[in-house]
Amino acid sequence: MLCKFAELKKCTFVTTNFLNVKNSLSRIFYFLLVLALIISGTFIVYYYWTVSDASQLRDLPMSVLVYIIIYILGQLLKRYVKKNIKWYDWVYYLGLIAIVLPIISETFLKDNILAITKYGALFLLIPPLIELALIAIKGNK
């Protein structure tokens, strides 16, 4: 009975250490995912803030499309990594609507389309920046 109890204690120790390693790896992966979202979101916002003509909003360069796809895939991955979804995780949809709006509509809001996309693209940065702040706050505790 004593040997089995000692083996169980060793097994629990190994399991606890494995879970700690797994937890730390998921934290590192989550941090890298948030950084990838910030970097890709920054490139997207930079492009939309440097555009001076509405025709450039419709004819996106391939690099911007790649960053948009990376951003969307990163957000989808974040949904699977993170178990609970907060209110700020839904904010990036406003940014996606703002960057898709010029592609969908050529005549709708023609005068204000530059302002809508410039300020709307900023919504792409809000969720990852909040997540980064929460990671920093949790890391200081």
N, C-alpha and C. Protein backbone atom coordinates (compact mmCIF):
# COMPACT_ATOMS: atom_id res chain seq x y z
N MET A 1 0.82 -1.18 0.00
CA MET A 1 0.00 0.00 0.00
C MET A 1 0.87 1.25 0.00
N LEU A 2 1.99 1.21 0.73
CA LEU A 2 2.86 2.35 0.81
C LEU A 2 3.54 2.63 -0.52
N CYS A 3 3.92 1.58 -1.24
CA CYS A 3 4.57 1.76 -2.55
C CYS A 3 3.59 2.37 -3.54
N LYS A 4 2.37 1.91 -3.53
CA LYS A 4 1.39 2.45 -4.47
C LYS A 4 1.12 3.93 -4.18
N PHE A 5 1.08 4.28 -2.90
CA PHE A 5 0.85 5.67 -2.54
C PHE A 5 2.03 6.54 -2.99
N ALA A 6 3.26 6.03 -2.83
CA ALA A 6 4.45 6.77 -3.27
C ALA A 6 4.44 6.93 -4.79
N GLU A 7 4.04 5.87 -5.50
CA GLU A 7 3.97 5.97 -6.95
C GLU A 7 2.90 6.97 -7.38
N LEU A 8 1.79 6.99 -6.68
CA LEU A 8 0.72 7.94 -6.99
C LEU A 8 1.19 9.36 -6.76
N LYS A 9 1.97 9.55 -5.70
CA LYS A 9 2.49 10.89 -5.42
C LYS A 9 3.45 11.33 -6.52
N LYS A 10 4.31 10.41 -6.99
CA LYS A 10 5.21 10.74 -8.09
C LYS A 10 4.42 11.06 -9.36
N CYS A 11 3.39 10.26 -9.61
CA CYS A 11 2.57 10.46 -10.79
C CYS A 11 1.86 11.82 -10.73
N THR A 12 1.37 12.20 -9.57
CA THR A 12 0.73 13.49 -9.41
C THR A 12 1.73 14.61 -9.61
N PHE A 13 2.96 14.42 -9.11
CA PHE A 13 4.00 15.44 -9.29
C PHE A 13 4.32 15.61 -10.76
N VAL A 14 4.46 14.50 -11.49
CA VAL A 14 4.76 14.58 -12.92
C VAL A 14 3.60 15.22 -13.67
N THR A 15 2.38 14.85 -13.33
CA THR A 15 1.21 15.43 -14.00
C THR A 15 1.12 16.92 -13.73
N THR A 16 1.38 17.34 -12.50
CA THR A 16 1.32 18.76 -12.17
C THR A 16 2.38 19.53 -12.93
N ASN A 17 3.60 18.99 -13.01
CA ASN A 17 4.66 19.66 -13.77
C ASN A 17 4.32 19.72 -15.25
N PHE A 18 3.74 18.64 -15.80
CA PHE A 18 3.35 18.65 -17.21
C PHE A 18 2.29 19.71 -17.47
N LEU A 19 1.32 19.82 -16.58
CA LEU A 19 0.28 20.82 -16.76
C LEU A 19 0.85 22.23 -16.65
N ASN A 20 1.83 22.44 -15.78
CA ASN A 20 2.46 23.75 -15.68
C ASN A 20 3.22 24.10 -16.96
N VAL A 21 3.92 23.12 -17.53
CA VAL A 21 4.64 23.35 -18.79
C VAL A 21 3.64 23.61 -19.91
N LYS A 22 2.57 22.83 -19.96
CA LYS A 22 1.55 23.01 -20.98
C LYS A 22 0.90 24.38 -20.84
N ASN A 23 0.64 24.79 -19.62
CA ASN A 23 0.03 26.09 -19.36
C ASN A 23 0.97 27.22 -19.78
N SER A 24 2.26 27.09 -19.48
CA SER A 24 3.20 28.13 -19.86
C SER A 24 3.39 28.19 -21.38
N LEU A 25 3.37 27.03 -22.05
CA LEU A 25 3.46 27.02 -23.50
C LEU A 25 2.24 27.67 -24.14
N SER A 26 1.06 27.42 -23.57
CA SER A 26 -0.14 28.06 -24.13
C SER A 26 -0.11 29.56 -23.88
N ARG A 27 0.47 30.00 -22.77
CA ARG A 27 0.61 31.44 -22.52
C ARG A 27 1.55 32.08 -23.53
N ILE A 28 2.65 31.40 -23.81
CA ILE A 28 3.61 31.92 -24.79
C ILE A 28 2.97 31.97 -26.18
N PHE A 29 2.26 30.90 -26.55
CA PHE A 29 1.56 30.89 -27.84
C PHE A 29 0.53 32.01 -27.92
N TYR A 30 -0.21 32.21 -26.85
CA TYR A 30 -1.23 33.25 -26.82
C TYR A 30 -0.58 34.63 -26.94
N PHE A 31 0.53 34.84 -26.26
CA PHE A 31 1.24 36.12 -26.35
C PHE A 31 1.75 36.36 -27.77
N LEU A 32 2.32 35.35 -28.40
CA LEU A 32 2.79 35.48 -29.77
C LEU A 32 1.64 35.73 -30.74
N LEU A 33 0.50 35.12 -30.47
CA LEU A 33 -0.69 35.34 -31.30
C LEU A 33 -1.17 36.78 -31.18
N VAL A 34 -1.18 37.31 -29.97
CA VAL A 34 -1.58 38.71 -29.77
C VAL A 34 -0.59 39.65 -30.46
N LEU A 35 0.71 39.35 -30.38
CA LEU A 35 1.70 40.17 -31.08
C LEU A 35 1.51 40.12 -32.59
N ALA A 36 1.19 38.94 -33.13
CA ALA A 36 0.94 38.82 -34.57
C ALA A 36 -0.29 39.64 -34.97
N LEU A 37 -1.31 39.65 -34.12
CA LEU A 37 -2.50 40.45 -34.40
C LEU A 37 -2.17 41.94 -34.38
N ILE A 38 -1.35 42.35 -33.44
CA ILE A 38 -0.97 43.77 -33.36
C ILE A 38 -0.15 44.17 -34.59
N ILE A 39 0.78 43.32 -34.98
CA ILE A 39 1.64 43.65 -36.12
C ILE A 39 0.83 43.70 -37.41
N SER A 40 0.01 42.68 -37.66
CA SER A 40 -0.77 42.68 -38.90
C SER A 40 -1.81 43.80 -38.88
N GLY A 41 -2.42 44.05 -37.73
CA GLY A 41 -3.38 45.16 -37.62
C GLY A 41 -2.72 46.51 -37.85
N THR A 42 -1.49 46.66 -37.38
CA THR A 42 -0.76 47.91 -37.58
C THR A 42 -0.48 48.15 -39.06
N PHE A 43 -0.08 47.11 -39.79
CA PHE A 43 0.15 47.26 -41.22
C PHE A 43 -1.13 47.62 -41.97
N ILE A 44 -2.23 47.01 -41.57
CA ILE A 44 -3.51 47.31 -42.22
C ILE A 44 -3.92 48.75 -41.95
N VAL A 45 -3.82 49.18 -40.70
CA VAL A 45 -4.19 50.56 -40.34
C VAL A 45 -3.26 51.55 -41.04
N TYR A 46 -1.98 51.23 -41.12
CA TYR A 46 -1.03 52.11 -41.81
C TYR A 46 -1.41 52.30 -43.27
N TYR A 47 -1.78 51.20 -43.93
CA TYR A 47 -2.18 51.33 -45.33
C TYR A 47 -3.40 52.23 -45.47
N TYR A 48 -4.40 52.00 -44.66
CA TYR A 48 -5.63 52.78 -44.78
C TYR A 48 -5.43 54.24 -44.38
N TRP A 49 -4.47 54.53 -43.53
CA TRP A 49 -4.21 55.92 -43.16
C TRP A 49 -3.35 56.63 -44.20
N THR A 50 -2.62 55.88 -45.03
CA THR A 50 -1.81 56.52 -46.06
C THR A 50 -2.53 56.63 -47.40
N VAL A 51 -3.68 56.02 -47.55
CA VAL A 51 -4.45 56.09 -48.79
C VAL A 51 -5.02 57.49 -48.95
N SER A 52 -4.90 58.02 -50.15
CA SER A 52 -5.42 59.37 -50.40
C SER A 52 -6.56 59.39 -51.40
N ASP A 53 -6.84 58.25 -52.05
CA ASP A 53 -7.88 58.21 -53.07
C ASP A 53 -8.79 57.01 -52.80
N ALA A 54 -10.07 57.19 -53.08
CA ALA A 54 -11.03 56.11 -52.83
C ALA A 54 -10.80 54.91 -53.75
N SER A 55 -10.19 55.13 -54.91
CA SER A 55 -9.93 53.99 -55.80
C SER A 55 -8.87 53.06 -55.21
N GLN A 56 -7.97 53.58 -54.38
CA GLN A 56 -6.98 52.73 -53.71
C GLN A 56 -7.61 51.86 -52.64
N LEU A 57 -8.80 52.24 -52.18
CA LEU A 57 -9.49 51.43 -51.19
C LEU A 57 -10.13 50.20 -51.83
N ARG A 58 -10.46 50.30 -53.11
CA ARG A 58 -11.07 49.18 -53.81
C ARG A 58 -10.03 48.22 -54.39
N ASP A 59 -8.93 48.76 -54.86
CA ASP A 59 -7.87 47.94 -55.46
C ASP A 59 -6.75 47.75 -54.44
N LEU A 60 -6.93 46.80 -53.55
CA LEU A 60 -5.96 46.58 -52.48
C LEU A 60 -4.74 45.82 -53.01
N PRO A 61 -3.55 46.21 -52.55
CA PRO A 61 -2.36 45.43 -52.91
C PRO A 61 -2.39 44.04 -52.26
N MET A 62 -1.68 43.13 -52.85
CA MET A 62 -1.66 41.76 -52.35
C MET A 62 -1.12 41.68 -50.92
N SER A 63 -0.16 42.53 -50.58
CA SER A 63 0.40 42.50 -49.22
C SER A 63 -0.66 42.86 -48.18
N VAL A 64 -1.52 43.82 -48.50
CA VAL A 64 -2.58 44.20 -47.56
C VAL A 64 -3.59 43.07 -47.43
N LEU A 65 -3.92 42.43 -48.52
CA LEU A 65 -4.84 41.29 -48.46
C LEU A 65 -4.26 40.15 -47.62
N VAL A 66 -2.96 39.92 -47.74
CA VAL A 66 -2.32 38.88 -46.94
C VAL A 66 -2.39 39.23 -45.45
N TYR A 67 -2.12 40.50 -45.12
CA TYR A 67 -2.22 40.92 -43.72
C TYR A 67 -3.64 40.82 -43.19
N ILE A 68 -4.62 41.11 -44.03
CA ILE A 68 -6.02 40.97 -43.61
C ILE A 68 -6.35 39.51 -43.33
N ILE A 69 -5.88 38.62 -44.19
CA ILE A 69 -6.13 37.18 -43.99
C ILE A 69 -5.41 36.69 -42.73
N ILE A 70 -4.18 37.13 -42.53
CA ILE A 70 -3.45 36.75 -41.31
C ILE A 70 -4.18 37.25 -40.08
N TYR A 71 -4.70 38.48 -40.14
CA TYR A 71 -5.42 39.04 -39.00
C TYR A 71 -6.68 38.23 -38.70
N ILE A 72 -7.45 37.90 -39.73
CA ILE A 72 -8.68 37.14 -39.52
C ILE A 72 -8.37 35.75 -38.98
N LEU A 73 -7.37 35.08 -39.54
CA LEU A 73 -6.99 33.75 -39.04
C LEU A 73 -6.48 33.82 -37.60
N GLY A 74 -5.75 34.89 -37.27
CA GLY A 74 -5.29 35.08 -35.89
C GLY A 74 -6.45 35.26 -34.93
N GLN A 75 -7.45 36.00 -35.35
CA GLN A 75 -8.63 36.18 -34.48
C GLN A 75 -9.38 34.87 -34.31
N LEU A 76 -9.48 34.08 -35.37
CA LEU A 76 -10.14 32.78 -35.26
C LEU A 76 -9.35 31.83 -34.36
N LEU A 77 -8.03 31.84 -34.49
CA LEU A 77 -7.19 31.02 -33.60
C LEU A 77 -7.34 31.44 -32.15
N LYS A 78 -7.43 32.74 -31.95
CA LYS A 78 -7.58 33.25 -30.58
C LYS A 78 -8.87 32.76 -29.95
N ARG A 79 -9.91 32.60 -30.76
CA ARG A 79 -11.18 32.08 -30.24
C ARG A 79 -11.04 30.66 -29.73
N TYR A 80 -10.18 29.85 -30.39
CA TYR A 80 -10.00 28.48 -29.96
C TYR A 80 -9.05 28.36 -28.78
N VAL A 81 -8.08 29.26 -28.70
CA VAL A 81 -7.12 29.22 -27.60
C VAL A 81 -7.76 29.74 -26.32
N LYS A 82 -8.50 30.81 -26.47
CA LYS A 82 -9.12 31.46 -25.31
C LYS A 82 -10.52 30.88 -25.14
N LYS A 83 -10.81 30.44 -23.95
CA LYS A 83 -12.08 29.76 -23.73
C LYS A 83 -13.27 30.72 -23.61
N ASN A 84 -13.09 31.82 -22.91
CA ASN A 84 -14.20 32.76 -22.74
C ASN A 84 -13.98 33.97 -23.65
N ILE A 85 -15.08 34.47 -24.19
CA ILE A 85 -15.02 35.60 -25.12
C ILE A 85 -15.54 36.83 -24.39
N LYS A 86 -14.73 37.88 -24.39
CA LYS A 86 -15.09 39.13 -23.72
C LYS A 86 -15.76 40.07 -24.73
N TRP A 87 -16.22 41.18 -24.22
CA TRP A 87 -16.93 42.16 -25.07
C TRP A 87 -16.01 42.75 -26.13
N TYR A 88 -14.74 42.96 -25.80
CA TYR A 88 -13.83 43.61 -26.73
C TYR A 88 -13.38 42.67 -27.85
N ASP A 89 -13.65 41.37 -27.73
CA ASP A 89 -13.31 40.45 -28.81
C ASP A 89 -14.22 40.60 -30.03
N TRP A 90 -15.33 41.30 -29.86
CA TRP A 90 -16.26 41.52 -30.95
C TRP A 90 -16.01 42.84 -31.68
N VAL A 91 -15.16 43.69 -31.14
CA VAL A 91 -14.94 45.03 -31.69
C VAL A 91 -14.27 44.98 -33.06
N TYR A 92 -13.44 43.98 -33.30
CA TYR A 92 -12.72 43.95 -34.57
C TYR A 92 -13.65 43.78 -35.77
N TYR A 93 -14.88 43.29 -35.53
CA TYR A 93 -15.84 43.19 -36.62
C TYR A 93 -16.17 44.56 -37.20
N LEU A 94 -16.18 45.58 -36.36
CA LEU A 94 -16.41 46.93 -36.87
C LEU A 94 -15.27 47.35 -37.81
N GLY A 95 -14.06 47.01 -37.48
CA GLY A 95 -12.93 47.29 -38.35
C GLY A 95 -13.01 46.53 -39.66
N LEU A 96 -13.43 45.25 -39.59
CA LEU A 96 -13.58 44.48 -40.82
C LEU A 96 -14.67 45.05 -41.72
N ILE A 97 -15.75 45.50 -41.10
CA ILE A 97 -16.82 46.13 -41.89
C ILE A 97 -16.30 47.40 -42.54
N ALA A 98 -15.51 48.17 -41.81
CA ALA A 98 -14.99 49.43 -42.35
C ALA A 98 -14.04 49.21 -43.52
N ILE A 99 -13.24 48.14 -43.49
CA ILE A 99 -12.30 47.93 -44.59
C ILE A 99 -12.95 47.22 -45.77
N VAL A 100 -14.07 46.54 -45.55
CA VAL A 100 -14.77 45.87 -46.64
C VAL A 100 -15.77 46.81 -47.31
N LEU A 101 -16.23 47.79 -46.59
CA LEU A 101 -17.26 48.70 -47.10
C LEU A 101 -16.89 49.35 -48.44
N PRO A 102 -15.68 49.85 -48.66
CA PRO A 102 -15.37 50.44 -49.96
C PRO A 102 -15.35 49.43 -51.11
N ILE A 103 -15.06 48.18 -50.78
CA ILE A 103 -15.01 47.15 -51.82
C ILE A 103 -16.43 46.80 -52.27
N ILE A 104 -17.33 46.73 -51.31
CA ILE A 104 -18.71 46.34 -51.61
C ILE A 104 -19.47 47.46 -52.32
N SER A 105 -19.34 48.67 -51.82
CA SER A 105 -20.16 49.76 -52.33
C SER A 105 -19.31 50.82 -53.00
N GLU A 106 -19.61 51.09 -54.25
CA GLU A 106 -18.87 52.11 -54.98
C GLU A 106 -19.51 53.48 -54.82
N THR A 107 -20.81 53.52 -54.73
CA THR A 107 -21.49 54.82 -54.66
C THR A 107 -21.99 55.16 -53.27
N PHE A 108 -22.11 54.19 -52.42
CA PHE A 108 -22.63 54.40 -51.07
C PHE A 108 -21.63 55.17 -50.23
N LEU A 109 -22.01 56.29 -49.67
CA LEU A 109 -21.16 57.12 -48.83
C LEU A 109 -19.86 57.51 -49.52
N LYS A 110 -19.96 57.92 -50.77
CA LYS A 110 -18.76 58.19 -51.56
C LYS A 110 -17.91 59.31 -50.97
N ASP A 111 -18.53 60.32 -50.41
CA ASP A 111 -17.79 61.45 -49.87
C ASP A 111 -17.08 61.11 -48.56
N ASN A 112 -17.67 60.28 -47.76
CA ASN A 112 -17.14 59.99 -46.43
C ASN A 112 -16.39 58.67 -46.34
N ILE A 113 -16.19 58.00 -47.43
CA ILE A 113 -15.62 56.65 -47.38
C ILE A 113 -14.19 56.64 -46.86
N LEU A 114 -13.41 57.65 -47.18
CA LEU A 114 -12.03 57.70 -46.67
C LEU A 114 -12.00 57.83 -45.15
N ALA A 115 -12.82 58.71 -44.62
CA ALA A 115 -12.86 58.89 -43.17
C ALA A 115 -13.39 57.65 -42.46
N ILE A 116 -14.40 57.03 -43.05
CA ILE A 116 -14.98 55.83 -42.44
C ILE A 116 -13.94 54.71 -42.38
N THR A 117 -13.21 54.51 -43.46
CA THR A 117 -12.23 53.43 -43.45
C THR A 117 -11.02 53.75 -42.58
N LYS A 118 -10.59 55.01 -42.57
CA LYS A 118 -9.45 55.36 -41.72
C LYS A 118 -9.75 55.14 -40.25
N TYR A 119 -10.86 55.69 -39.80
CA TYR A 119 -11.19 55.56 -38.38
C TYR A 119 -11.75 54.17 -38.05
N GLY A 120 -12.40 53.55 -39.01
CA GLY A 120 -12.92 52.20 -38.78
C GLY A 120 -11.82 51.17 -38.67
N ALA A 121 -10.73 51.37 -39.42
CA ALA A 121 -9.62 50.42 -39.36
C ALA A 121 -8.96 50.41 -37.98
N LEU A 122 -9.08 51.49 -37.25
CA LEU A 122 -8.51 51.53 -35.90
C LEU A 122 -9.16 50.51 -34.97
N PHE A 123 -10.39 50.10 -35.29
CA PHE A 123 -11.06 49.10 -34.47
C PHE A 123 -10.38 47.74 -34.55
N LEU A 124 -9.53 47.55 -35.55
CA LEU A 124 -8.78 46.30 -35.63
C LEU A 124 -7.72 46.20 -34.55
N LEU A 125 -7.24 47.34 -34.09
CA LEU A 125 -6.17 47.33 -33.08
C LEU A 125 -6.69 47.27 -31.64
N ILE A 126 -7.93 47.59 -31.43
CA ILE A 126 -8.45 47.66 -30.05
C ILE A 126 -8.39 46.32 -29.32
N PRO A 127 -8.93 45.22 -29.88
CA PRO A 127 -8.88 43.96 -29.11
C PRO A 127 -7.48 43.45 -28.79
N PRO A 128 -6.52 43.44 -29.75
CA PRO A 128 -5.19 42.95 -29.37
C PRO A 128 -4.47 43.86 -28.38
N LEU A 129 -4.71 45.17 -28.45
CA LEU A 129 -4.06 46.06 -27.48
C LEU A 129 -4.63 45.87 -26.08
N ILE A 130 -5.93 45.63 -25.99
CA ILE A 130 -6.53 45.33 -24.67
C ILE A 130 -5.97 44.01 -24.15
N GLU A 131 -5.86 43.02 -25.02
CA GLU A 131 -5.30 41.72 -24.61
C GLU A 131 -3.85 41.87 -24.13
N LEU A 132 -3.06 42.67 -24.85
CA LEU A 132 -1.68 42.90 -24.44
C LEU A 132 -1.61 43.58 -23.08
N ALA A 133 -2.50 44.54 -22.85
CA ALA A 133 -2.54 45.22 -21.56
C ALA A 133 -2.93 44.23 -20.45
N LEU A 134 -3.88 43.36 -20.74
CA LEU A 134 -4.29 42.36 -19.74
C LEU A 134 -3.17 41.37 -19.45
N ILE A 135 -2.43 40.99 -20.49
CA ILE A 135 -1.28 40.09 -20.28
C ILE A 135 -0.23 40.78 -19.42
N ALA A 136 0.02 42.06 -19.67
CA ALA A 136 1.01 42.81 -18.88
C ALA A 136 0.55 42.96 -17.43
N ILE A 137 -0.73 43.22 -17.24
CA ILE A 137 -1.25 43.35 -15.86
C ILE A 137 -1.17 42.01 -15.14
N LYS A 138 -1.54 40.94 -15.84
CA LYS A 138 -1.49 39.62 -15.22
C LYS A 138 -0.06 39.19 -14.94
N GLY A 139 0.89 39.62 -15.79
CA GLY A 139 2.30 39.29 -15.59
C GLY A 139 2.91 40.01 -14.41
N ASN A 140 2.40 41.19 -14.07
CA ASN A 140 2.93 41.95 -12.93
C ASN A 140 2.44 41.42 -11.60
N LYS A 141 1.38 40.64 -11.61
CA LYS A 141 0.83 40.12 -10.33
C LYS A 141 1.61 38.95 -9.82
